[in-house]
Amino acid sequence: MIETVVRKRIEILTDTRLQKRVTNAIDKAGITGWTIVPVTSGKGRDGPWREERVMGTDKVLVLTIAAEDKAEALAEVLAPMLTKYGFILSMWDVQVIRGERF
């Protein structure tokens, strides 16, 4: 049986123009990696939206996996930005192989 370790998977939906702030916060929290995925459309409580490069409101999903203490540190740093910029942050437990990498 392969041994797994519990870590936190974190997803942050943000405007593309703000992704550098998010990745800087991830780096400062001591999290070793992240991935950015473009998002073309979605629907929220204010209704549907689409990618809008002209207005600068196109979105990305920033993904990372971290130990619980680092995930909590990241959430603390990003919390003020969630309301100010409308980020969406979610995190949950995942099992990973080679937990020392996270």
N, C-alpha and C. Protein backbone atom coordinates (compact mmCIF):
# COMPACT_ATOMS: atom_id res chain seq x y z
N MET A 1 0.84 -1.19 0.00
CA MET A 1 0.00 0.00 0.00
C MET A 1 0.88 1.25 0.00
N ILE A 2 0.56 2.16 -0.86
CA ILE A 2 1.31 3.42 -0.94
C ILE A 2 0.91 4.31 0.22
N GLU A 3 1.89 4.91 0.86
CA GLU A 3 1.64 5.80 1.98
C GLU A 3 1.28 7.19 1.46
N THR A 4 0.22 7.78 2.01
CA THR A 4 -0.18 9.12 1.64
C THR A 4 -0.16 10.02 2.88
N VAL A 5 -0.13 11.32 2.63
CA VAL A 5 -0.11 12.32 3.68
C VAL A 5 -1.21 13.34 3.38
N VAL A 6 -1.87 13.85 4.40
CA VAL A 6 -2.91 14.85 4.21
C VAL A 6 -2.28 16.24 4.07
N ARG A 7 -2.69 16.94 3.04
CA ARG A 7 -2.28 18.33 2.80
C ARG A 7 -3.54 19.12 2.43
N LYS A 8 -3.41 20.42 2.31
CA LYS A 8 -4.52 21.29 1.90
C LYS A 8 -4.37 21.65 0.43
N ARG A 9 -5.43 21.43 -0.33
CA ARG A 9 -5.48 21.92 -1.71
C ARG A 9 -6.19 23.26 -1.66
N ILE A 10 -5.59 24.26 -2.29
CA ILE A 10 -6.13 25.61 -2.25
C ILE A 10 -6.39 26.06 -3.69
N GLU A 11 -7.59 26.58 -3.93
CA GLU A 11 -7.95 27.15 -5.22
C GLU A 11 -8.35 28.60 -5.01
N ILE A 12 -7.79 29.48 -5.82
CA ILE A 12 -8.09 30.90 -5.72
C ILE A 12 -8.51 31.38 -7.10
N LEU A 13 -9.74 31.87 -7.22
CA LEU A 13 -10.23 32.45 -8.45
C LEU A 13 -10.04 33.96 -8.36
N THR A 14 -9.31 34.53 -9.31
CA THR A 14 -9.02 35.95 -9.27
C THR A 14 -8.92 36.51 -10.68
N ASP A 15 -8.94 37.83 -10.79
CA ASP A 15 -8.70 38.47 -12.08
C ASP A 15 -7.25 38.26 -12.48
N THR A 16 -7.02 38.10 -13.76
CA THR A 16 -5.67 37.86 -14.27
C THR A 16 -4.70 38.96 -13.83
N ARG A 17 -5.15 40.20 -13.83
CA ARG A 17 -4.27 41.31 -13.47
C ARG A 17 -3.80 41.25 -12.02
N LEU A 18 -4.46 40.44 -11.19
CA LEU A 18 -4.09 40.33 -9.77
C LEU A 18 -3.37 39.03 -9.44
N GLN A 19 -3.12 38.19 -10.44
CA GLN A 19 -2.53 36.88 -10.15
C GLN A 19 -1.14 37.00 -9.53
N LYS A 20 -0.38 38.02 -9.86
CA LYS A 20 0.95 38.19 -9.29
C LYS A 20 0.88 38.43 -7.78
N ARG A 21 -0.13 39.15 -7.33
CA ARG A 21 -0.30 39.36 -5.88
C ARG A 21 -0.54 38.03 -5.18
N VAL A 22 -1.35 37.19 -5.81
CA VAL A 22 -1.66 35.89 -5.23
C VAL A 22 -0.42 35.00 -5.20
N THR A 23 0.31 34.92 -6.32
CA THR A 23 1.50 34.07 -6.35
C THR A 23 2.59 34.59 -5.43
N ASN A 24 2.70 35.91 -5.27
CA ASN A 24 3.66 36.45 -4.31
C ASN A 24 3.29 36.04 -2.89
N ALA A 25 1.99 36.06 -2.57
CA ALA A 25 1.54 35.65 -1.24
C ALA A 25 1.82 34.17 -1.01
N ILE A 26 1.63 33.35 -2.04
CA ILE A 26 1.94 31.92 -1.93
C ILE A 26 3.42 31.73 -1.64
N ASP A 27 4.26 32.42 -2.39
CA ASP A 27 5.71 32.33 -2.18
C ASP A 27 6.10 32.78 -0.78
N LYS A 28 5.52 33.89 -0.32
CA LYS A 28 5.85 34.41 1.02
C LYS A 28 5.39 33.48 2.13
N ALA A 29 4.34 32.70 1.88
CA ALA A 29 3.85 31.74 2.88
C ALA A 29 4.75 30.50 2.96
N GLY A 30 5.75 30.44 2.07
CA GLY A 30 6.67 29.31 2.08
C GLY A 30 6.16 28.10 1.34
N ILE A 31 5.13 28.29 0.53
CA ILE A 31 4.58 27.21 -0.27
C ILE A 31 5.44 27.09 -1.53
N THR A 32 5.83 25.87 -1.86
CA THR A 32 6.87 25.68 -2.88
C THR A 32 6.40 25.73 -4.32
N GLY A 33 5.11 25.71 -4.59
CA GLY A 33 4.70 25.73 -5.99
C GLY A 33 3.25 26.13 -6.17
N TRP A 34 2.93 26.49 -7.38
CA TRP A 34 1.57 26.85 -7.74
C TRP A 34 1.38 26.65 -9.24
N THR A 35 0.13 26.58 -9.67
CA THR A 35 -0.23 26.43 -11.07
C THR A 35 -1.33 27.43 -11.37
N ILE A 36 -1.26 28.04 -12.56
CA ILE A 36 -2.29 28.99 -12.98
C ILE A 36 -3.02 28.41 -14.19
N VAL A 37 -4.34 28.39 -14.10
CA VAL A 37 -5.19 27.87 -15.17
C VAL A 37 -6.12 29.00 -15.63
N PRO A 38 -6.16 29.29 -16.93
CA PRO A 38 -7.10 30.33 -17.40
C PRO A 38 -8.55 29.87 -17.26
N VAL A 39 -9.43 30.81 -16.99
CA VAL A 39 -10.85 30.53 -16.83
C VAL A 39 -11.59 31.41 -17.84
N THR A 40 -12.44 30.82 -18.65
CA THR A 40 -13.08 31.58 -19.72
C THR A 40 -14.49 32.06 -19.40
N SER A 41 -15.18 31.39 -18.49
CA SER A 41 -16.52 31.84 -18.14
C SER A 41 -16.97 31.16 -16.86
N GLY A 42 -18.06 31.66 -16.30
CA GLY A 42 -18.61 31.07 -15.09
C GLY A 42 -19.92 31.73 -14.73
N LYS A 43 -20.44 31.37 -13.60
CA LYS A 43 -21.68 31.96 -13.10
C LYS A 43 -21.60 32.03 -11.60
N GLY A 44 -21.94 33.17 -11.05
CA GLY A 44 -21.94 33.38 -9.61
C GLY A 44 -23.26 33.98 -9.17
N ARG A 45 -23.30 34.50 -7.96
CA ARG A 45 -24.55 35.05 -7.45
C ARG A 45 -25.03 36.26 -8.24
N ASP A 46 -24.09 36.94 -8.93
CA ASP A 46 -24.47 38.08 -9.77
C ASP A 46 -24.78 37.68 -11.20
N GLY A 47 -24.80 36.38 -11.46
CA GLY A 47 -25.13 35.89 -12.79
C GLY A 47 -23.92 35.44 -13.57
N PRO A 48 -24.11 35.11 -14.85
CA PRO A 48 -23.00 34.60 -15.67
C PRO A 48 -22.00 35.69 -16.02
N TRP A 49 -20.78 35.29 -16.29
CA TRP A 49 -19.74 36.21 -16.75
C TRP A 49 -18.87 35.47 -17.76
N ARG A 50 -18.15 36.26 -18.55
CA ARG A 50 -17.24 35.71 -19.55
C ARG A 50 -15.91 36.42 -19.47
N GLU A 51 -14.91 35.76 -20.04
CA GLU A 51 -13.60 36.38 -20.16
C GLU A 51 -13.75 37.72 -20.86
N GLU A 52 -13.06 38.73 -20.36
CA GLU A 52 -13.15 40.06 -20.94
C GLU A 52 -11.79 40.73 -20.91
N ARG A 53 -10.99 40.47 -21.93
CA ARG A 53 -9.63 41.01 -21.98
C ARG A 53 -9.60 42.52 -22.13
N VAL A 54 -10.55 43.09 -22.84
CA VAL A 54 -10.57 44.53 -23.05
C VAL A 54 -10.73 45.26 -21.73
N MET A 55 -11.61 44.77 -20.87
CA MET A 55 -11.86 45.41 -19.58
C MET A 55 -10.87 44.95 -18.51
N GLY A 56 -10.07 43.95 -18.81
CA GLY A 56 -9.11 43.46 -17.84
C GLY A 56 -9.70 42.61 -16.74
N THR A 57 -10.87 42.02 -17.01
CA THR A 57 -11.53 41.22 -15.98
C THR A 57 -11.48 39.73 -16.29
N ASP A 58 -10.58 39.32 -17.20
CA ASP A 58 -10.45 37.89 -17.42
C ASP A 58 -9.91 37.25 -16.14
N LYS A 59 -10.24 35.99 -15.95
CA LYS A 59 -9.97 35.33 -14.68
C LYS A 59 -9.00 34.16 -14.83
N VAL A 60 -8.37 33.82 -13.71
CA VAL A 60 -7.52 32.64 -13.63
C VAL A 60 -7.84 31.91 -12.33
N LEU A 61 -7.51 30.64 -12.33
CA LEU A 61 -7.61 29.83 -11.14
C LEU A 61 -6.19 29.48 -10.72
N VAL A 62 -5.80 29.90 -9.53
CA VAL A 62 -4.48 29.60 -9.01
C VAL A 62 -4.62 28.41 -8.07
N LEU A 63 -3.87 27.36 -8.36
CA LEU A 63 -3.95 26.12 -7.58
C LEU A 63 -2.64 25.89 -6.85
N THR A 64 -2.74 25.40 -5.62
CA THR A 64 -1.54 25.02 -4.88
C THR A 64 -1.92 23.98 -3.83
N ILE A 65 -0.92 23.27 -3.35
CA ILE A 65 -1.10 22.29 -2.28
C ILE A 65 -0.05 22.59 -1.22
N ALA A 66 -0.46 22.58 0.04
CA ALA A 66 0.46 22.97 1.11
C ALA A 66 0.13 22.25 2.41
N ALA A 67 1.10 22.23 3.30
CA ALA A 67 0.86 21.77 4.66
C ALA A 67 -0.13 22.72 5.33
N GLU A 68 -0.84 22.23 6.32
CA GLU A 68 -1.92 23.01 6.94
C GLU A 68 -1.44 24.36 7.49
N ASP A 69 -0.29 24.40 8.15
CA ASP A 69 0.18 25.66 8.72
C ASP A 69 0.47 26.70 7.63
N LYS A 70 1.04 26.27 6.52
CA LYS A 70 1.31 27.20 5.42
C LYS A 70 0.02 27.62 4.72
N ALA A 71 -0.93 26.72 4.61
CA ALA A 71 -2.23 27.05 4.02
C ALA A 71 -2.95 28.10 4.87
N GLU A 72 -2.90 27.93 6.18
CA GLU A 72 -3.53 28.91 7.07
C GLU A 72 -2.83 30.26 6.99
N ALA A 73 -1.50 30.26 6.89
CA ALA A 73 -0.75 31.51 6.75
C ALA A 73 -1.15 32.22 5.45
N LEU A 74 -1.30 31.47 4.38
CA LEU A 74 -1.71 32.05 3.11
C LEU A 74 -3.11 32.64 3.21
N ALA A 75 -4.04 31.92 3.82
CA ALA A 75 -5.41 32.42 3.98
C ALA A 75 -5.43 33.72 4.77
N GLU A 76 -4.61 33.82 5.80
CA GLU A 76 -4.52 35.05 6.60
C GLU A 76 -4.08 36.23 5.75
N VAL A 77 -3.08 36.01 4.91
CA VAL A 77 -2.56 37.09 4.05
C VAL A 77 -3.60 37.50 3.00
N LEU A 78 -4.29 36.52 2.43
CA LEU A 78 -5.23 36.81 1.35
C LEU A 78 -6.60 37.28 1.84
N ALA A 79 -6.94 37.05 3.09
CA ALA A 79 -8.28 37.38 3.60
C ALA A 79 -8.69 38.82 3.30
N PRO A 80 -7.85 39.83 3.54
CA PRO A 80 -8.28 41.20 3.24
C PRO A 80 -8.53 41.43 1.74
N MET A 81 -7.81 40.71 0.89
CA MET A 81 -7.98 40.87 -0.55
C MET A 81 -9.24 40.19 -1.07
N LEU A 82 -9.75 39.20 -0.34
CA LEU A 82 -10.94 38.48 -0.79
C LEU A 82 -12.11 39.44 -0.98
N THR A 83 -12.33 40.29 -0.01
CA THR A 83 -13.43 41.26 -0.10
C THR A 83 -13.07 42.42 -1.02
N LYS A 84 -11.87 42.94 -0.87
CA LYS A 84 -11.47 44.11 -1.66
C LYS A 84 -11.51 43.84 -3.16
N TYR A 85 -11.01 42.68 -3.59
CA TYR A 85 -10.90 42.39 -5.01
C TYR A 85 -11.87 41.31 -5.50
N GLY A 86 -12.63 40.71 -4.61
CA GLY A 86 -13.60 39.70 -5.03
C GLY A 86 -12.98 38.35 -5.34
N PHE A 87 -11.82 38.05 -4.74
CA PHE A 87 -11.25 36.71 -4.90
C PHE A 87 -12.22 35.68 -4.33
N ILE A 88 -12.12 34.47 -4.82
CA ILE A 88 -12.78 33.33 -4.19
C ILE A 88 -11.69 32.36 -3.80
N LEU A 89 -11.63 31.98 -2.54
CA LEU A 89 -10.62 31.05 -2.04
C LEU A 89 -11.34 29.86 -1.43
N SER A 90 -10.95 28.68 -1.85
CA SER A 90 -11.46 27.47 -1.21
C SER A 90 -10.28 26.56 -0.89
N MET A 91 -10.43 25.79 0.16
CA MET A 91 -9.39 24.81 0.50
C MET A 91 -10.04 23.61 1.16
N TRP A 92 -9.42 22.48 0.94
CA TRP A 92 -9.91 21.25 1.54
C TRP A 92 -8.77 20.26 1.66
N ASP A 93 -9.00 19.21 2.46
CA ASP A 93 -7.98 18.18 2.66
C ASP A 93 -7.89 17.28 1.44
N VAL A 94 -6.65 16.97 1.06
CA VAL A 94 -6.38 16.00 0.00
C VAL A 94 -5.28 15.07 0.49
N GLN A 95 -5.22 13.90 -0.08
CA GLN A 95 -4.13 12.98 0.23
C GLN A 95 -3.13 13.02 -0.91
N VAL A 96 -1.87 13.16 -0.57
CA VAL A 96 -0.82 13.21 -1.58
C VAL A 96 0.24 12.15 -1.29
N ILE A 97 0.87 11.73 -2.34
CA ILE A 97 2.05 10.87 -2.23
C ILE A 97 3.26 11.79 -2.24
N ARG A 98 4.29 11.47 -1.53
CA ARG A 98 5.49 12.31 -1.41
C ARG A 98 5.16 13.64 -0.73
N GLY A 99 4.55 13.54 0.42
CA GLY A 99 4.11 14.71 1.18
C GLY A 99 5.21 15.69 1.50
N GLU A 100 6.45 15.25 1.54
CA GLU A 100 7.56 16.17 1.85
C GLU A 100 7.72 17.24 0.78
N ARG A 101 7.17 17.01 -0.39
CA ARG A 101 7.27 17.99 -1.48
C ARG A 101 6.33 19.17 -1.28
N PHE A 102 5.39 19.04 -0.34
CA PHE A 102 4.38 20.08 -0.13
C PHE A 102 4.54 20.68 1.24
